[in-house]
Amino acid sequence: MEITLVEGDITTQRVDAIVNAANSSLLGGGGVDGAIHRAGGPEILAECRALRASRYGKGLPTGQAVATTAGRLPARWVIHTVGPVWSATEDRSALLRDCYANSLRIADELGATTVAFPLVSAGVYGWPVEDAVRQALTVPATPARVTESRLVLFGAGTYATAERVAASA
């Protein structure tokens, strides 16, 4: 699986699956989550509500992933994953890596070959950007079908940091 770094807006990526850094409610929010729901339209929210009414009555657990339609996005699916909130006193990096691994597993089950990821937990959840990139890049490439994984970075500064971390890995 090839991992590429891309500076841009995840909602414009032409891939099979776009990963959403969702909150556990699955009902939209701010940051990447809000942008994906706004750009994808009401179809995504309708499927998220159905998931809440069935399998995820208490919300999607941190580190897990689930797929819905992509609605109006230039993708077939949105894979929702809930990242951990950064903690200076507790190592939650395994949960962050689980977000990527479980999203790739779901993408593989769907038959996706291309997946675009945001930098999970690096926004309002406060994960330091350098370490968030490091965690994203250490996920083992195990899927059989996924051939390209894009890490879509919002803003030139975040992209520059990601390039520096990737070059030193």
C-alpha atoms as a PDB file:
ATOM      1  CA  MET A   1       0.000   0.000   0.000  1.00  0.00           C
ATOM      2  CA  GLU A   2       1.376   3.390  -1.003  1.00  0.00           C
ATOM      3  CA  ILE A   3       0.946   6.248   1.483  1.00  0.00           C
ATOM      4  CA  THR A   4       0.933   9.732  -0.006  1.00  0.00           C
ATOM      5  CA  LEU A   5       0.758  13.126   1.673  1.00  0.00           C
ATOM      6  CA  VAL A   6      -1.603  15.647   0.096  1.00  0.00           C
ATOM      7  CA  GLU A   7      -2.267  19.237   1.101  1.00  0.00           C
ATOM      8  CA  GLY A   8      -5.915  20.086   0.608  1.00  0.00           C
ATOM      9  CA  ASP A   9      -9.555  19.612   1.450  1.00  0.00           C
ATOM     10  CA  ILE A  10     -10.574  16.021   2.157  1.00  0.00           C
ATOM     11  CA  THR A  11     -14.080  16.633   0.825  1.00  0.00           C
ATOM     12  CA  THR A  12     -12.689  17.100  -2.708  1.00  0.00           C
ATOM     13  CA  GLN A  13     -10.635  13.895  -2.861  1.00  0.00           C
ATOM     14  CA  ARG A  14     -11.625  11.532  -5.677  1.00  0.00           C
ATOM     15  CA  VAL A  15     -11.149   8.199  -3.926  1.00  0.00           C
ATOM     16  CA  ASP A  16     -13.232   5.152  -3.145  1.00  0.00           C
ATOM     17  CA  ALA A  17     -13.530   6.019   0.556  1.00  0.00           C
ATOM     18  CA  ILE A  18     -13.064   9.176   2.596  1.00  0.00           C
ATOM     19  CA  VAL A  19     -12.397   8.740   6.308  1.00  0.00           C
ATOM     20  CA  ASN A  20     -14.246  11.056   8.665  1.00  0.00           C
ATOM     21  CA  ALA A  21     -12.732  12.077  11.991  1.00  0.00           C
ATOM     22  CA  ALA A  22     -16.152  11.772  13.596  1.00  0.00           C
ATOM     23  CA  ASN A  23     -17.383  12.288  17.101  1.00  0.00           C
ATOM     24  CA  SER A  24     -18.990   9.319  18.832  1.00  0.00           C
ATOM     25  CA  SER A  25     -22.529  10.564  18.145  1.00  0.00           C
ATOM     26  CA  LEU A  26     -21.997  10.125  14.376  1.00  0.00           C
ATOM     27  CA  LEU A  27     -24.343  13.070  13.909  1.00  0.00           C
ATOM     28  CA  GLY A  28     -21.881  15.675  12.622  1.00  0.00           C
ATOM     29  CA  GLY A  29     -19.919  18.296  14.425  1.00  0.00           C
ATOM     30  CA  GLY A  30     -17.121  20.743  13.738  1.00  0.00           C
ATOM     31  CA  GLY A  31     -13.868  20.492  11.814  1.00  0.00           C
ATOM     32  CA  VAL A  32     -13.490  17.593   9.387  1.00  0.00           C
ATOM     33  CA  ASP A  33     -16.705  15.978  10.649  1.00  0.00           C
ATOM     34  CA  GLY A  34     -18.798  19.067   9.937  1.00  0.00           C
ATOM     35  CA  ALA A  35     -17.146  19.641   6.549  1.00  0.00           C
ATOM     36  CA  ILE A  36     -17.851  16.065   5.436  1.00  0.00           C
ATOM     37  CA  HIS A  37     -21.474  16.210   6.568  1.00  0.00           C
ATOM     38  CA  ARG A  38     -22.021  19.593   4.875  1.00  0.00           C
ATOM     39  CA  ALA A  39     -20.388  18.582   1.587  1.00  0.00           C
ATOM     40  CA  GLY A  40     -21.890  15.086   1.550  1.00  0.00           C
ATOM     41  CA  GLY A  41     -25.431  16.196   2.210  1.00  0.00           C
ATOM     42  CA  PRO A  42     -28.317  14.695   4.159  1.00  0.00           C
ATOM     43  CA  GLU A  43     -27.764  11.127   2.913  1.00  0.00           C
ATOM     44  CA  ILE A  44     -24.770  10.703   5.227  1.00  0.00           C
ATOM     45  CA  LEU A  45     -26.655  11.998   8.260  1.00  0.00           C
ATOM     46  CA  ALA A  46     -29.620   9.728   7.469  1.00  0.00           C
ATOM     47  CA  GLU A  47     -27.386   6.639   7.460  1.00  0.00           C
ATOM     48  CA  CYS A  48     -25.618   7.795  10.621  1.00  0.00           C
ATOM     49  CA  ARG A  49     -28.980   8.186  12.355  1.00  0.00           C
ATOM     50  CA  ALA A  50     -29.912   4.665  11.271  1.00  0.00           C
ATOM     51  CA  LEU A  51     -26.634   3.337  12.729  1.00  0.00           C
ATOM     52  CA  ARG A  52     -27.380   5.120  16.017  1.00  0.00           C
ATOM     53  CA  ALA A  53     -30.884   3.620  16.056  1.00  0.00           C
ATOM     54  CA  SER A  54     -29.515   0.118  15.517  1.00  0.00           C
ATOM     55  CA  ARG A  55     -25.941  -0.991  16.329  1.00  0.00           C
ATOM     56  CA  TYR A  56     -24.538   2.152  17.944  1.00  0.00           C
ATOM     57  CA  GLY A  57     -27.215   3.400  20.335  1.00  0.00           C
ATOM     58  CA  LYS A  58     -24.549   4.701  22.712  1.00  0.00           C
ATOM     59  CA  GLY A  59     -22.373   6.030  19.889  1.00  0.00           C
ATOM     60  CA  LEU A  60     -19.355   4.689  18.031  1.00  0.00           C
ATOM     61  CA  PRO A  61     -16.538   3.722  20.425  1.00  0.00           C
ATOM     62  CA  THR A  62     -13.146   5.412  20.163  1.00  0.00           C
ATOM     63  CA  GLY A  63     -10.838   3.633  17.729  1.00  0.00           C
ATOM     64  CA  GLN A  64     -13.656   1.825  15.906  1.00  0.00           C
ATOM     65  CA  ALA A  65     -14.889   2.513  12.361  1.00  0.00           C
ATOM     66  CA  VAL A  66     -18.121   2.156  10.399  1.00  0.00           C
ATOM     67  CA  ALA A  67     -19.089   3.033   6.813  1.00  0.00           C
ATOM     68  CA  THR A  68     -21.955   4.955   5.246  1.00  0.00           C
ATOM     69  CA  THR A  69     -22.710   6.318   1.821  1.00  0.00           C
ATOM     70  CA  ALA A  70     -20.641   9.308   0.719  1.00  0.00           C
ATOM     71  CA  GLY A  71     -23.713  11.191  -0.445  1.00  0.00           C
ATOM     72  CA  ARG A  72     -22.599  14.053  -2.711  1.00  0.00           C
ATOM     73  CA  LEU A  73     -18.875  13.596  -2.054  1.00  0.00           C
ATOM     74  CA  PRO A  74     -16.636  12.376  -4.921  1.00  0.00           C
ATOM     75  CA  ALA A  75     -16.270   8.980  -3.212  1.00  0.00           C
ATOM     76  CA  ARG A  76     -18.421   5.881  -2.790  1.00  0.00           C
ATOM     77  CA  TRP A  77     -18.214   5.657   0.988  1.00  0.00           C
ATOM     78  CA  VAL A  78     -17.427   7.613   4.126  1.00  0.00           C
ATOM     79  CA  ILE A  79     -15.734   5.618   6.851  1.00  0.00           C
ATOM     80  CA  HIS A  80     -16.401   7.222  10.222  1.00  0.00           C
ATOM     81  CA  THR A  81     -13.862   6.738  13.009  1.00  0.00           C
ATOM     82  CA  VAL A  82     -13.660   8.313  16.455  1.00  0.00           C
ATOM     83  CA  GLY A  83     -10.200   9.417  17.490  1.00  0.00           C
ATOM     84  CA  PRO A  84      -9.043   9.733  21.077  1.00  0.00           C
ATOM     85  CA  VAL A  85      -8.705  13.072  22.821  1.00  0.00           C
ATOM     86  CA  TRP A  86      -5.030  13.915  23.493  1.00  0.00           C
ATOM     87  CA  SER A  87      -3.848  13.369  27.043  1.00  0.00           C
ATOM     88  CA  ALA A  88      -0.476  14.412  28.416  1.00  0.00           C
ATOM     89  CA  THR A  89      -0.863  11.928  31.297  1.00  0.00           C
ATOM     90  CA  GLU A  90      -2.194   8.820  29.489  1.00  0.00           C
ATOM     91  CA  ASP A  91      -0.787   7.179  26.350  1.00  0.00           C
ATOM     92  CA  ARG A  92      -3.721   6.827  23.956  1.00  0.00           C
ATOM     93  CA  SER A  93      -1.617   6.324  20.822  1.00  0.00           C
ATOM     94  CA  ALA A  94      -2.789   2.710  20.360  1.00  0.00           C
ATOM     95  CA  LEU A  95      -6.373   3.993  20.077  1.00  0.00           C
ATOM     96  CA  LEU A  96      -5.264   6.525  17.468  1.00  0.00           C
ATOM     97  CA  ARG A  97      -3.526   3.807  15.441  1.00  0.00           C
ATOM     98  CA  ASP A  98      -6.699   1.696  15.792  1.00  0.00           C
ATOM     99  CA  CYS A  99      -8.624   4.458  13.989  1.00  0.00           C
ATOM    100  CA  TYR A 100      -6.410   4.033  10.936  1.00  0.00           C
ATOM    101  CA  ALA A 101      -6.187   0.227  11.111  1.00  0.00           C
ATOM    102  CA  ASN A 102      -9.948  -0.256  11.576  1.00  0.00           C
ATOM    103  CA  SER A 103     -10.741   2.243   8.816  1.00  0.00           C
ATOM    104  CA  LEU A 104      -8.408   0.346   6.460  1.00  0.00           C
ATOM    105  CA  ARG A 105     -10.061  -2.933   7.469  1.00  0.00           C
ATOM    106  CA  ILE A 106     -13.515  -1.510   6.666  1.00  0.00           C
ATOM    107  CA  ALA A 107     -12.219  -0.079   3.353  1.00  0.00           C
ATOM    108  CA  ASP A 108     -10.827  -3.493   2.473  1.00  0.00           C
ATOM    109  CA  GLU A 109     -14.140  -5.193   3.320  1.00  0.00           C
ATOM    110  CA  LEU A 110     -15.949  -2.701   1.075  1.00  0.00           C
ATOM    111  CA  GLY A 111     -13.543  -3.397  -1.797  1.00  0.00           C
ATOM    112  CA  ALA A 112     -12.058   0.111  -1.791  1.00  0.00           C
ATOM    113  CA  THR A 113      -8.651   0.519  -3.406  1.00  0.00           C
ATOM    114  CA  THR A 114      -8.094   4.202  -2.606  1.00  0.00           C
ATOM    115  CA  VAL A 115      -8.704   5.857   0.773  1.00  0.00           C
ATOM    116  CA  ALA A 116      -8.252   9.460   1.949  1.00  0.00           C
ATOM    117  CA  PHE A 117      -7.617  10.098   5.651  1.00  0.00           C
ATOM    118  CA  PRO A 118      -7.647  13.331   7.607  1.00  0.00           C
ATOM    119  CA  LEU A 119      -5.124  13.727  10.405  1.00  0.00           C
ATOM    120  CA  VAL A 120      -7.326  12.055  13.029  1.00  0.00           C
ATOM    121  CA  SER A 121      -7.456  13.707  16.486  1.00  0.00           C
ATOM    122  CA  ALA A 122      -5.139  16.593  15.499  1.00  0.00           C
ATOM    123  CA  GLY A 123      -7.917  19.192  15.446  1.00  0.00           C
ATOM    124  CA  VAL A 124     -10.240  19.921  18.345  1.00  0.00           C
ATOM    125  CA  TYR A 125      -9.120  16.694  20.080  1.00  0.00           C
ATOM    126  CA  GLY A 126      -5.754  18.375  20.608  1.00  0.00           C
ATOM    127  CA  TRP A 127      -3.307  15.704  19.430  1.00  0.00           C
ATOM    128  CA  PRO A 128       0.071  17.293  18.604  1.00  0.00           C
ATOM    129  CA  VAL A 129       0.457  17.367  14.810  1.00  0.00           C
ATOM    130  CA  GLU A 130       3.946  15.829  14.668  1.00  0.00           C
ATOM    131  CA  ASP A 131       2.922  12.828  16.750  1.00  0.00           C
ATOM    132  CA  ALA A 132      -0.429  12.493  14.958  1.00  0.00           C
ATOM    133  CA  VAL A 133       1.462  12.174  11.657  1.00  0.00           C
ATOM    134  CA  ARG A 134       3.901   9.699  13.219  1.00  0.00           C
ATOM    135  CA  GLN A 135       1.006   7.548  14.463  1.00  0.00           C
ATOM    136  CA  ALA A 136      -0.743   7.660  11.064  1.00  0.00           C
ATOM    137  CA  LEU A 137       2.414   6.559   9.274  1.00  0.00           C
ATOM    138  CA  THR A 138       3.116   3.623  11.620  1.00  0.00           C
ATOM    139  CA  VAL A 139      -0.102   1.752  10.844  1.00  0.00           C
ATOM    140  CA  PRO A 140       0.836  -1.562   9.229  1.00  0.00           C
ATOM    141  CA  ALA A 141      -0.139  -1.932   5.576  1.00  0.00           C
ATOM    142  CA  THR A 142      -2.264  -5.079   5.901  1.00  0.00           C
ATOM    143  CA  PRO A 143      -5.264  -4.595   3.601  1.00  0.00           C
ATOM    144  CA  ALA A 144      -5.402  -6.791   0.531  1.00  0.00           C
ATOM    145  CA  ARG A 145      -7.343  -4.408  -1.705  1.00  0.00           C
ATOM    146  CA  VAL A 146      -6.300  -0.899  -0.623  1.00  0.00           C
ATOM    147  CA  THR A 147      -3.407   0.204  -2.827  1.00  0.00           C
ATOM    148  CA  GLU A 148      -3.321   3.928  -2.020  1.00  0.00           C
ATOM    149  CA  SER A 149      -3.807   5.658   1.305  1.00  0.00           C
ATOM    150  CA  ARG A 150      -3.753   9.463   1.205  1.00  0.00           C
ATOM    151  CA  LEU A 151      -3.119  11.510   4.300  1.00  0.00           C
ATOM    152  CA  VAL A 152      -4.899  14.767   3.449  1.00  0.00           C
ATOM    153  CA  LEU A 153      -3.470  17.665   5.428  1.00  0.00           C
ATOM    154  CA  PHE A 154      -5.330  20.921   5.806  1.00  0.00           C
ATOM    155  CA  GLY A 155      -3.051  23.949   5.459  1.00  0.00           C
ATOM    156  CA  ALA A 156       0.514  24.532   4.347  1.00  0.00           C
ATOM    157  CA  GLY A 157       1.922  24.425   7.879  1.00  0.00           C
ATOM    158  CA  THR A 158       0.391  21.051   8.670  1.00  0.00           C
ATOM    159  CA  TYR A 159       1.529  19.693   5.323  1.00  0.00           C
ATOM    160  CA  ALA A 160       5.101  20.935   5.888  1.00  0.00           C
ATOM    161  CA  THR A 161       5.159  19.304   9.321  1.00  0.00           C
ATOM    162  CA  ALA A 162       3.912  16.026   7.836  1.00  0.00           C
ATOM    163  CA  GLU A 163       6.557  16.088   5.114  1.00  0.00           C
ATOM    164  CA  ARG A 164       9.280  16.661   7.718  1.00  0.00           C
ATOM    165  CA  VAL A 165       8.005  13.802   9.924  1.00  0.00           C
ATOM    166  CA  ALA A 166       7.665  11.446   6.931  1.00  0.00           C
ATOM    167  CA  ALA A 167      11.191  12.251   5.730  1.00  0.00           C
ATOM    168  CA  SER A 168      12.633  11.398   9.142  1.00  0.00           C
ATOM    169  CA  ALA A 169      10.695   8.132   9.499  1.00  0.00           C
END
